Amino acid sequence: EQRAVDAQDAARSAARALVVADNWGDGVAAADQVVSQAVVNNGLAPADVTVRYTGSLAPGEEVSAVVTVGVPVGNVPGLGLVGTMHYTARSTEHVDSYRASPS
């Protein structure tokens, strides 16, 4: 359950970082930094997290961040963690209709 919350928080923060950026490249860099910080702060393994971004920073458009987190299915004594399922969180932000077009 905690990893689902972590994915939701990371997706929401990444989408917000992306939507306020001056351009797509800077936005992706800022969003990646937010996700990386969430991974470290929540004790997740970077290999267990994937992220992708879609959309446009043109005024009136939308951007989305999709974060997928691997969730261990079970812990077998003597064997450790067995199996993984994936939880995907998506967050979408509206680009301000009155902002200047991205550079």
PDB file of N, CA and C in Angstrom:
ATOM      1  N   GLU A   1       0.820  -1.194   0.000  1.00  0.00           N
ATOM      2  CA  GLU A   1       0.000   0.000   0.000  1.00  0.00           C
ATOM      3  C   GLU A   1       0.866   1.260   0.000  1.00  0.00           C
ATOM      4  N   GLN A   2       1.965   1.244   0.743  1.00  0.00           N
ATOM      5  CA  GLN A   2       2.824   2.422   0.816  1.00  0.00           C
ATOM      6  C   GLN A   2       3.455   2.742  -0.534  1.00  0.00           C
ATOM      7  N   ARG A   3       3.811   1.729  -1.293  1.00  0.00           N
ATOM      8  CA  ARG A   3       4.420   1.987  -2.608  1.00  0.00           C
ATOM      9  C   ARG A   3       3.415   2.612  -3.569  1.00  0.00           C
ATOM     10  N   ALA A   4       2.148   2.276  -3.430  1.00  0.00           N
ATOM     11  CA  ALA A   4       1.117   2.902  -4.260  1.00  0.00           C
ATOM     12  C   ALA A   4       1.032   4.390  -3.941  1.00  0.00           C
ATOM     13  N   VAL A   5       1.074   4.717  -2.662  1.00  0.00           N
ATOM     14  CA  VAL A   5       1.045   6.127  -2.245  1.00  0.00           C
ATOM     15  C   VAL A   5       2.296   6.835  -2.750  1.00  0.00           C
ATOM     16  N   ASP A   6       3.445   6.170  -2.656  1.00  0.00           N
ATOM     17  CA  ASP A   6       4.688   6.764  -3.143  1.00  0.00           C
ATOM     18  C   ASP A   6       4.605   7.061  -4.641  1.00  0.00           C
ATOM     19  N   ALA A   7       4.044   6.133  -5.410  1.00  0.00           N
ATOM     20  CA  ALA A   7       3.895   6.333  -6.862  1.00  0.00           C
ATOM     21  C   ALA A   7       2.953   7.494  -7.155  1.00  0.00           C
ATOM     22  N   GLN A   8       1.853   7.585  -6.417  1.00  0.00           N
ATOM     23  CA  GLN A   8       0.898   8.676  -6.622  1.00  0.00           C
ATOM     24  C   GLN A   8       1.538  10.021  -6.309  1.00  0.00           C
ATOM     25  N   ASP A   9       2.259  10.092  -5.189  1.00  0.00           N
ATOM     26  CA  ASP A   9       2.927  11.341  -4.817  1.00  0.00           C
ATOM     27  C   ASP A   9       3.978  11.741  -5.848  1.00  0.00           C
ATOM     28  N   ALA A  10       4.760  10.767  -6.312  1.00  0.00           N
ATOM     29  CA  ALA A  10       5.804  11.060  -7.300  1.00  0.00           C
ATOM     30  C   ALA A  10       5.188  11.533  -8.613  1.00  0.00           C
ATOM     31  N   ALA A  11       4.107  10.891  -9.059  1.00  0.00           N
ATOM     32  CA  ALA A  11       3.458  11.293 -10.314  1.00  0.00           C
ATOM     33  C   ALA A  11       2.889  12.702 -10.203  1.00  0.00           C
ATOM     34  N   ARG A  12       2.236  12.995  -9.095  1.00  0.00           N
ATOM     35  CA  ARG A  12       1.647  14.325  -8.896  1.00  0.00           C
ATOM     36  C   ARG A  12       2.733  15.406  -8.869  1.00  0.00           C
ATOM     37  N   SER A  13       3.805  15.150  -8.126  1.00  0.00           N
ATOM     38  CA  SER A  13       4.892  16.129  -8.024  1.00  0.00           C
ATOM     39  C   SER A  13       5.618  16.299  -9.353  1.00  0.00           C
ATOM     40  N   ALA A  14       5.811  15.209 -10.080  1.00  0.00           N
ATOM     41  CA  ALA A  14       6.497  15.285 -11.371  1.00  0.00           C
ATOM     42  C   ALA A  14       5.672  16.070 -12.387  1.00  0.00           C
ATOM     43  N   ALA A  15       4.372  15.813 -12.436  1.00  0.00           N
ATOM     44  CA  ALA A  15       3.510  16.548 -13.370  1.00  0.00           C
ATOM     45  C   ALA A  15       3.524  18.039 -13.045  1.00  0.00           C
ATOM     46  N   ARG A  16       3.517  18.356 -11.764  1.00  0.00           N
ATOM     47  CA  ARG A  16       3.526  19.767 -11.359  1.00  0.00           C
ATOM     48  C   ARG A  16       4.852  20.431 -11.751  1.00  0.00           C
ATOM     49  N   ALA A  17       5.967  19.722 -11.533  1.00  0.00           N
ATOM     50  CA  ALA A  17       7.279  20.264 -11.907  1.00  0.00           C
ATOM     51  C   ALA A  17       7.367  20.478 -13.413  1.00  0.00           C
ATOM     52  N   LEU A  18       6.792  19.573 -14.166  1.00  0.00           N
ATOM     53  CA  LEU A  18       6.829  19.674 -15.623  1.00  0.00           C
ATOM     54  C   LEU A  18       5.983  20.838 -16.134  1.00  0.00           C
ATOM     55  N   VAL A  19       4.792  21.006 -15.590  1.00  0.00           N
ATOM     56  CA  VAL A  19       3.854  22.006 -16.118  1.00  0.00           C
ATOM     57  C   VAL A  19       4.308  23.447 -15.871  1.00  0.00           C
ATOM     58  N   VAL A  20       5.137  23.679 -14.871  1.00  0.00           N
ATOM     59  CA  VAL A  20       5.578  25.053 -14.585  1.00  0.00           C
ATOM     60  C   VAL A  20       6.924  25.385 -15.227  1.00  0.00           C
ATOM     61  N   ALA A  21       7.503  24.438 -15.952  1.00  0.00           N
ATOM     62  CA  ALA A  21       8.814  24.651 -16.573  1.00  0.00           C
ATOM     63  C   ALA A  21       8.710  25.588 -17.775  1.00  0.00           C
ATOM     64  N   ASP A  22       9.834  26.197 -18.115  1.00  0.00           N
ATOM     65  CA  ASP A  22       9.893  27.096 -19.269  1.00  0.00           C
ATOM     66  C   ASP A  22       9.872  26.352 -20.595  1.00  0.00           C
ATOM     67  N   ASN A  23      10.411  25.119 -20.595  1.00  0.00           N
ATOM     68  CA  ASN A  23      10.417  24.325 -21.819  1.00  0.00           C
ATOM     69  C   ASN A  23      10.406  22.844 -21.444  1.00  0.00           C
ATOM     70  N   TRP A  24      10.159  21.984 -22.443  1.00  0.00           N
ATOM     71  CA  TRP A  24       9.990  20.547 -22.187  1.00  0.00           C
ATOM     72  C   TRP A  24      11.252  19.925 -21.574  1.00  0.00           C
ATOM     73  N   GLY A  25      12.407  20.260 -22.108  1.00  0.00           N
ATOM     74  CA  GLY A  25      13.663  19.689 -21.598  1.00  0.00           C
ATOM     75  C   GLY A  25      13.894  20.014 -20.140  1.00  0.00           C
ATOM     76  N   ASP A  26      13.704  21.290 -19.789  1.00  0.00           N
ATOM     77  CA  ASP A  26      13.865  21.688 -18.387  1.00  0.00           C
ATOM     78  C   ASP A  26      12.802  21.037 -17.517  1.00  0.00           C
ATOM     79  N   GLY A  27      11.599  20.906 -18.062  1.00  0.00           N
ATOM     80  CA  GLY A  27      10.516  20.281 -17.312  1.00  0.00           C
ATOM     81  C   GLY A  27      10.780  18.816 -17.019  1.00  0.00           C
ATOM     82  N   VAL A  28      11.278  18.095 -18.014  1.00  0.00           N
ATOM     83  CA  VAL A  28      11.600  16.679 -17.811  1.00  0.00           C
ATOM     84  C   VAL A  28      12.722  16.544 -16.776  1.00  0.00           C
ATOM     85  N   ALA A  29      13.732  17.407 -16.866  1.00  0.00           N
ATOM     86  CA  ALA A  29      14.828  17.360 -15.899  1.00  0.00           C
ATOM     87  C   ALA A  29      14.313  17.623 -14.479  1.00  0.00           C
ATOM     88  N   ALA A  30      13.440  18.611 -14.329  1.00  0.00           N
ATOM     89  CA  ALA A  30      12.883  18.924 -13.008  1.00  0.00           C
ATOM     90  C   ALA A  30      12.006  17.787 -12.506  1.00  0.00           C
ATOM     91  N   ALA A  31      11.197  17.230 -13.398  1.00  0.00           N
ATOM     92  CA  ALA A  31      10.316  16.120 -13.007  1.00  0.00           C
ATOM     93  C   ALA A  31      11.137  14.891 -12.630  1.00  0.00           C
ATOM     94  N   ASP A  32      12.183  14.590 -13.401  1.00  0.00           N
ATOM     95  CA  ASP A  32      13.053  13.463 -13.063  1.00  0.00           C
ATOM     96  C   ASP A  32      13.702  13.654 -11.698  1.00  0.00           C
ATOM     97  N   GLN A  33      14.094  14.885 -11.399  1.00  0.00           N
ATOM     98  CA  GLN A  33      14.699  15.183 -10.094  1.00  0.00           C
ATOM     99  C   GLN A  33      13.700  14.934  -8.964  1.00  0.00           C
ATOM    100  N   VAL A  34      12.467  15.345  -9.159  1.00  0.00           N
ATOM    101  CA  VAL A  34      11.422  15.134  -8.150  1.00  0.00           C
ATOM    102  C   VAL A  34      11.196  13.645  -7.918  1.00  0.00           C
ATOM    103  N   VAL A  35      11.122  12.881  -9.001  1.00  0.00           N
ATOM    104  CA  VAL A  35      10.910  11.433  -8.878  1.00  0.00           C
ATOM    105  C   VAL A  35      12.110  10.784  -8.198  1.00  0.00           C
ATOM    106  N   SER A  36      13.314  11.188  -8.586  1.00  0.00           N
ATOM    107  CA  SER A  36      14.530  10.642  -7.978  1.00  0.00           C
ATOM    108  C   SER A  36      14.559  10.910  -6.480  1.00  0.00           C
ATOM    109  N   GLN A  37      14.173  12.105  -6.089  1.00  0.00           N
ATOM    110  CA  GLN A  37      14.139  12.466  -4.669  1.00  0.00           C
ATOM    111  C   GLN A  37      13.101  11.619  -3.932  1.00  0.00           C
ATOM    112  N   ALA A  38      11.957  11.395  -4.546  1.00  0.00           N
ATOM    113  CA  ALA A  38      10.924  10.564  -3.929  1.00  0.00           C
ATOM    114  C   ALA A  38      11.415   9.127  -3.761  1.00  0.00           C
ATOM    115  N   VAL A  39      12.133   8.623  -4.761  1.00  0.00           N
ATOM    116  CA  VAL A  39      12.679   7.262  -4.692  1.00  0.00           C
ATOM    117  C   VAL A  39      13.623   7.142  -3.502  1.00  0.00           C
ATOM    118  N   VAL A  40      14.545   8.090  -3.381  1.00  0.00           N
ATOM    119  CA  VAL A  40      15.517   8.071  -2.292  1.00  0.00           C
ATOM    120  C   VAL A  40      14.823   8.240  -0.937  1.00  0.00           C
ATOM    121  N   ASN A  41      13.930   9.214  -0.847  1.00  0.00           N
ATOM    122  CA  ASN A  41      13.263   9.509   0.431  1.00  0.00           C
ATOM    123  C   ASN A  41      12.399   8.358   0.927  1.00  0.00           C
ATOM    124  N   ASN A  42      11.871   7.558   0.006  1.00  0.00           N
ATOM    125  CA  ASN A  42      10.971   6.481   0.401  1.00  0.00           C
ATOM    126  C   ASN A  42      11.643   5.117   0.419  1.00  0.00           C
ATOM    127  N   GLY A  43      12.963   5.094   0.224  1.00  0.00           N
ATOM    128  CA  GLY A  43      13.701   3.850   0.316  1.00  0.00           C
ATOM    129  C   GLY A  43      13.419   2.865  -0.811  1.00  0.00           C
ATOM    130  N   LEU A  44      13.002   3.378  -1.967  1.00  0.00           N
ATOM    131  CA  LEU A  44      12.742   2.509  -3.114  1.00  0.00           C
ATOM    132  C   LEU A  44      14.029   2.282  -3.895  1.00  0.00           C
ATOM    133  N   ALA A  45      14.112   1.161  -4.546  1.00  0.00           N
ATOM    134  CA  ALA A  45      15.248   0.900  -5.427  1.00  0.00           C
ATOM    135  C   ALA A  45      14.971   1.583  -6.763  1.00  0.00           C
ATOM    136  N   PRO A  46      15.910   2.379  -7.272  1.00  0.00           N
ATOM    137  CA  PRO A  46      15.685   3.053  -8.552  1.00  0.00           C
ATOM    138  C   PRO A  46      15.272   2.096  -9.669  1.00  0.00           C
ATOM    139  N   ALA A  47      15.756   0.866  -9.635  1.00  0.00           N
ATOM    140  CA  ALA A  47      15.401  -0.109 -10.666  1.00  0.00           C
ATOM    141  C   ALA A  47      13.931  -0.526 -10.594  1.00  0.00           C
ATOM    142  N   ASP A  48      13.277  -0.266  -9.459  1.00  0.00           N
ATOM    143  CA  ASP A  48      11.866  -0.626  -9.278  1.00  0.00           C
ATOM    144  C   ASP A  48      10.903   0.464  -9.730  1.00  0.00           C
ATOM    145  N   VAL A  49      11.434   1.569 -10.251  1.00  0.00           N
ATOM    146  CA  VAL A  49      10.590   2.710 -10.611  1.00  0.00           C
ATOM    147  C   VAL A  49      10.852   3.103 -12.065  1.00  0.00           C
ATOM    148  N   THR A  50       9.761   3.257 -12.829  1.00  0.00           N
ATOM    149  CA  THR A  50       9.872   3.800 -14.182  1.00  0.00           C
ATOM    150  C   THR A  50       8.938   4.998 -14.284  1.00  0.00           C
ATOM    151  N   VAL A  51       9.293   5.929 -15.145  1.00  0.00           N
ATOM    152  CA  VAL A  51       8.494   7.140 -15.304  1.00  0.00           C
ATOM    153  C   VAL A  51       8.479   7.535 -16.769  1.00  0.00           C
ATOM    154  N   ARG A  52       7.357   8.096 -17.205  1.00  0.00           N
ATOM    155  CA  ARG A  52       7.276   8.642 -18.564  1.00  0.00           C
ATOM    156  C   ARG A  52       6.378   9.871 -18.531  1.00  0.00           C
ATOM    157  N   TYR A  53       6.616  10.746 -19.480  1.00  0.00           N
ATOM    158  CA  TYR A  53       5.886  12.007 -19.553  1.00  0.00           C
ATOM    159  C   TYR A  53       5.265  12.147 -20.933  1.00  0.00           C
ATOM    160  N   THR A  54       4.078  12.708 -20.973  1.00  0.00           N
ATOM    161  CA  THR A  54       3.407  12.971 -22.240  1.00  0.00           C
ATOM    162  C   THR A  54       2.764  14.351 -22.179  1.00  0.00           C
ATOM    163  N   GLY A  55       2.445  14.874 -23.343  1.00  0.00           N
ATOM    164  CA  GLY A  55       1.729  16.142 -23.406  1.00  0.00           C
ATOM    165  C   GLY A  55       2.523  17.232 -24.084  1.00  0.00           C
ATOM    166  N   SER A  56       2.087  18.451 -23.825  1.00  0.00           N
ATOM    167  CA  SER A  56       2.686  19.623 -24.449  1.00  0.00           C
ATOM    168  C   SER A  56       2.602  20.791 -23.477  1.00  0.00           C
ATOM    169  N   LEU A  57       3.608  21.650 -23.513  1.00  0.00           N
ATOM    170  CA  LEU A  57       3.599  22.846 -22.671  1.00  0.00           C
ATOM    171  C   LEU A  57       2.958  24.045 -23.364  1.00  0.00           C
ATOM    172  N   ALA A  58       2.313  23.815 -24.489  1.00  0.00           N
ATOM    173  CA  ALA A  58       1.611  24.901 -25.172  1.00  0.00           C
ATOM    174  C   ALA A  58       0.442  25.361 -24.301  1.00  0.00           C
ATOM    175  N   PRO A  59       0.151  26.652 -24.306  1.00  0.00           N
ATOM    176  CA  PRO A  59      -0.947  27.155 -23.486  1.00  0.00           C
ATOM    177  C   PRO A  59      -2.252  26.404 -23.741  1.00  0.00           C
ATOM    178  N   GLY A  60      -2.923  26.016 -22.651  1.00  0.00           N
ATOM    179  CA  GLY A  60      -4.197  25.318 -22.736  1.00  0.00           C
ATOM    180  C   GLY A  60      -4.088  23.809 -22.884  1.00  0.00           C
ATOM    181  N   GLU A  61      -2.902  23.288 -23.090  1.00  0.00           N
ATOM    182  CA  GLU A  61      -2.700  21.842 -23.243  1.00  0.00           C
ATOM    183  C   GLU A  61      -2.569  21.181 -21.866  1.00  0.00           C
ATOM    184  N   GLU A  62      -2.235  19.899 -21.870  1.00  0.00           N
ATOM    185  CA  GLU A  62      -2.032  19.156 -20.628  1.00  0.00           C
ATOM    186  C   GLU A  62      -0.729  18.385 -20.697  1.00  0.00           C
ATOM    187  N   VAL A  63      -0.144  18.144 -19.528  1.00  0.00           N
ATOM    188  CA  VAL A  63       1.015  17.263 -19.400  1.00  0.00           C
ATOM    189  C   VAL A  63       0.655  16.181 -18.391  1.00  0.00           C
ATOM    190  N   SER A  64       1.229  15.012 -18.586  1.00  0.00           N
ATOM    191  CA  SER A  64       0.985  13.903 -17.662  1.00  0.00           C
ATOM    192  C   SER A  64       2.299  13.253 -17.278  1.00  0.00           C
ATOM    193  N   ALA A  65       2.339  12.776 -16.044  1.00  0.00           N
ATOM    194  CA  ALA A  65       3.454  11.969 -15.558  1.00  0.00           C
ATOM    195  C   ALA A  65       2.875  10.624 -15.151  1.00  0.00           C
ATOM    196  N   VAL A  66       3.525   9.568 -15.602  1.00  0.00           N
ATOM    197  CA  VAL A  66       3.104   8.214 -15.272  1.00  0.00           C
ATOM    198  C   VAL A  66       4.268   7.535 -14.557  1.00  0.00           C
ATOM    199  N   VAL A  67       4.028   7.136 -13.318  1.00  0.00           N
ATOM    200  CA  VAL A  67       5.060   6.497 -12.503  1.00  0.00           C
ATOM    201  C   VAL A  67       4.613   5.079 -12.188  1.00  0.00           C
ATOM    202  N   THR A  68       5.469   4.115 -12.497  1.00  0.00           N
ATOM    203  CA  THR A  68       5.191   2.715 -12.203  1.00  0.00           C
ATOM    204  C   THR A  68       6.213   2.226 -11.184  1.00  0.00           C
ATOM    205  N   VAL A  69       5.704   1.582 -10.138  1.00  0.00           N
ATOM    206  CA  VAL A  69       6.542   1.098  -9.045  1.00  0.00           C
ATOM    207  C   VAL A  69       6.362  -0.406  -8.911  1.00  0.00           C
ATOM    208  N   GLY A  70       7.486  -1.122  -8.796  1.00  0.00           N
ATOM    209  CA  GLY A  70       7.428  -2.556  -8.538  1.00  0.00           C
ATOM    210  C   GLY A  70       7.095  -2.801  -7.071  1.00  0.00           C
ATOM    211  N   VAL A  71       6.172  -3.715  -6.831  1.00  0.00           N
ATOM    212  CA  VAL A  71       5.734  -4.039  -5.469  1.00  0.00           C
ATOM    213  C   VAL A  71       5.997  -5.525  -5.233  1.00  0.00           C
ATOM    214  N   PRO A  72       6.846  -5.857  -4.236  1.00  0.00           N
ATOM    215  CA  PRO A  72       7.084  -7.268  -3.948  1.00  0.00           C
ATOM    216  C   PRO A  72       5.786  -7.956  -3.541  1.00  0.00           C
ATOM    217  N   VAL A  73       5.574  -9.164  -4.065  1.00  0.00           N
ATOM    218  CA  VAL A  73       4.341  -9.899  -3.777  1.00  0.00           C
ATOM    219  C   VAL A  73       4.427 -10.617  -2.441  1.00  0.00           C
ATOM    220  N   GLY A  74       5.549 -11.238  -2.146  1.00  0.00           N
ATOM    221  CA  GLY A  74       5.646 -11.984  -0.897  1.00  0.00           C
ATOM    222  C   GLY A  74       7.069 -12.144  -0.431  1.00  0.00           C
ATOM    223  N   ASN A  75       7.207 -12.522   0.832  1.00  0.00           N
ATOM    224  CA  ASN A  75       8.504 -12.749   1.437  1.00  0.00           C
ATOM    225  C   ASN A  75       8.497 -14.157   2.011  1.00  0.00           C
ATOM    226  N   VAL A  76       9.277 -15.043   1.391  1.00  0.00           N
ATOM    227  CA  VAL A  76       9.357 -16.429   1.837  1.00  0.00           C
ATOM    228  C   VAL A  76      10.605 -16.578   2.704  1.00  0.00           C
ATOM    229  N   PRO A  77      10.432 -17.024   3.960  1.00  0.00           N
ATOM    230  CA  PRO A  77      11.597 -17.199   4.836  1.00  0.00           C
ATOM    231  C   PRO A  77      12.664 -18.078   4.175  1.00  0.00           C
ATOM    232  N   GLY A  78      13.885 -17.604   4.201  1.00  0.00           N
ATOM    233  CA  GLY A  78      14.989 -18.337   3.602  1.00  0.00           C
ATOM    234  C   GLY A  78      15.220 -18.019   2.134  1.00  0.00           C
ATOM    235  N   LEU A  79      14.174 -17.550   1.446  1.00  0.00           N
ATOM    236  CA  LEU A  79      14.296 -17.208   0.026  1.00  0.00           C
ATOM    237  C   LEU A  79      14.276 -15.703  -0.209  1.00  0.00           C
ATOM    238  N   GLY A  80      13.632 -14.985   0.668  1.00  0.00           N
ATOM    239  CA  GLY A  80      13.506 -13.540   0.506  1.00  0.00           C
ATOM    240  C   GLY A  80      12.267 -13.178  -0.281  1.00  0.00           C
ATOM    241  N   LEU A  81      12.346 -12.056  -0.980  1.00  0.00           N
ATOM    242  CA  LEU A  81      11.200 -11.560  -1.742  1.00  0.00           C
ATOM    243  C   LEU A  81      10.957 -12.426  -2.968  1.00  0.00           C
ATOM    244  N   VAL A  82       9.705 -12.793  -3.177  1.00  0.00           N
ATOM    245  CA  VAL A  82       9.333 -13.648  -4.305  1.00  0.00           C
ATOM    246  C   VAL A  82       8.248 -12.952  -5.121  1.00  0.00           C
ATOM    247  N   GLY A  83       8.526 -12.713  -6.374  1.00  0.00           N
ATOM    248  CA  GLY A  83       7.537 -12.124  -7.268  1.00  0.00           C
ATOM    249  C   GLY A  83       7.370 -10.623  -7.093  1.00  0.00           C
ATOM    250  N   THR A  84       6.938 -10.001  -8.169  1.00  0.00           N
ATOM    251  CA  THR A  84       6.702  -8.562  -8.166  1.00  0.00           C
ATOM    252  C   THR A  84       5.476  -8.263  -9.010  1.00  0.00           C
ATOM    253  N   MET A  85       4.635  -7.377  -8.506  1.00  0.00           N
ATOM    254  CA  MET A  85       3.563  -6.829  -9.327  1.00  0.00           C
ATOM    255  C   MET A  85       3.868  -5.349  -9.496  1.00  0.00           C
ATOM    256  N   HIS A  86       3.171  -4.694 -10.392  1.00  0.00           N
ATOM    257  CA  HIS A  86       3.457  -3.283 -10.670  1.00  0.00           C
ATOM    258  C   HIS A  86       2.215  -2.437 -10.424  1.00  0.00           C
ATOM    259  N   TYR A  87       2.449  -1.286  -9.804  1.00  0.00           N
ATOM    260  CA  TYR A  87       1.384  -0.315  -9.581  1.00  0.00           C
ATOM    261  C   TYR A  87       1.740   0.926 -10.387  1.00  0.00           C
ATOM    262  N   THR A  88       0.779   1.425 -11.157  1.00  0.00           N
ATOM    263  CA  THR A  88       1.006   2.608 -11.988  1.00  0.00           C
ATOM    264  C   THR A  88       0.103   3.741 -11.534  1.00  0.00           C
ATOM    265  N   ALA A  89       0.720   4.906 -11.322  1.00  0.00           N
ATOM    266  CA  ALA A  89      -0.019   6.118 -10.953  1.00  0.00           C
ATOM    267  C   ALA A  89       0.168   7.142 -12.066  1.00  0.00           C
ATOM    268  N   ARG A  90      -0.893   7.881 -12.353  1.00  0.00           N
ATOM    269  CA  ARG A  90      -0.849   8.903 -13.412  1.00  0.00           C
ATOM    270  C   ARG A  90      -1.390  10.205 -12.833  1.00  0.00           C
ATOM    271  N   SER A  91      -0.718  11.289 -13.176  1.00  0.00           N
ATOM    272  CA  SER A  91      -1.192  12.606 -12.772  1.00  0.00           C
ATOM    273  C   SER A  91      -1.121  13.531 -13.984  1.00  0.00           C
ATOM    274  N   THR A  92      -2.168  14.311 -14.187  1.00  0.00           N
ATOM    275  CA  THR A  92      -2.251  15.232 -15.317  1.00  0.00           C
ATOM    276  C   THR A  92      -2.448  16.644 -14.797  1.00  0.00           C
ATOM    277  N   GLU A  93      -1.736  17.568 -15.399  1.00  0.00           N
ATOM    278  CA  GLU A  93      -1.835  18.989 -15.054  1.00  0.00           C
ATOM    279  C   GLU A  93      -2.192  19.785 -16.306  1.00  0.00           C
ATOM    280  N   HIS A  94      -3.033  20.769 -16.135  1.00  0.00           N
ATOM    281  CA  HIS A  94      -3.430  21.673 -17.215  1.00  0.00           C
ATOM    282  C   HIS A  94      -2.407  22.802 -17.318  1.00  0.00           C
ATOM    283  N   VAL A  95      -1.954  23.079 -18.537  1.00  0.00           N
ATOM    284  CA  VAL A  95      -1.030  24.187 -18.769  1.00  0.00           C
ATOM    285  C   VAL A  95      -1.846  25.474 -18.803  1.00  0.00           C
ATOM    286  N   ASP A  96      -1.401  26.450 -18.046  1.00  0.00           N
ATOM    287  CA  ASP A  96      -2.092  27.733 -17.962  1.00  0.00           C
ATOM    288  C   ASP A  96      -2.357  28.284 -19.371  1.00  0.00           C
ATOM    289  N   SER A  97      -3.604  28.591 -19.642  1.00  0.00           N
ATOM    290  CA  SER A  97      -4.000  29.095 -20.965  1.00  0.00           C
ATOM    291  C   SER A  97      -3.389  30.462 -21.284  1.00  0.00           C
ATOM    292  N   TYR A  98      -2.957  31.178 -20.255  1.00  0.00           N
ATOM    293  CA  TYR A  98      -2.447  32.534 -20.472  1.00  0.00           C
ATOM    294  C   TYR A  98      -0.931  32.635 -20.377  1.00  0.00           C
ATOM    295  N   ARG A  99      -0.271  31.498 -20.248  1.00  0.00           N
ATOM    296  CA  ARG A  99       1.187  31.560 -20.177  1.00  0.00           C
ATOM    297  C   ARG A  99       1.766  31.767 -21.572  1.00  0.00           C
ATOM    298  N   ALA A 100       2.992  32.251 -21.623  1.00  0.00           N
ATOM    299  CA  ALA A 100       3.674  32.404 -22.912  1.00  0.00           C
ATOM    300  C   ALA A 100       3.993  31.023 -23.461  1.00  0.00           C
ATOM    301  N   SER A 101       4.031  30.907 -24.759  1.00  0.00           N
ATOM    302  CA  SER A 101       4.389  29.629 -25.378  1.00  0.00           C
ATOM    303  C   SER A 101       5.785  29.233 -24.930  1.00  0.00           C
ATOM    304  N   PRO A 102       6.044  27.916 -24.794  1.00  0.00           N
ATOM    305  CA  PRO A 102       7.366  27.475 -24.327  1.00  0.00           C
ATOM    306  C   PRO A 102       8.462  27.859 -25.314  1.00  0.00           C
ATOM    307  N   SER A 103       9.643  28.092 -24.746  1.00  0.00           N
ATOM    308  CA  SER A 103      10.787  28.488 -25.599  1.00  0.00           C
ATOM    309  C   SER A 103      11.495  27.281 -26.153  1.00  0.00           C
TER     310      SER A 103
END
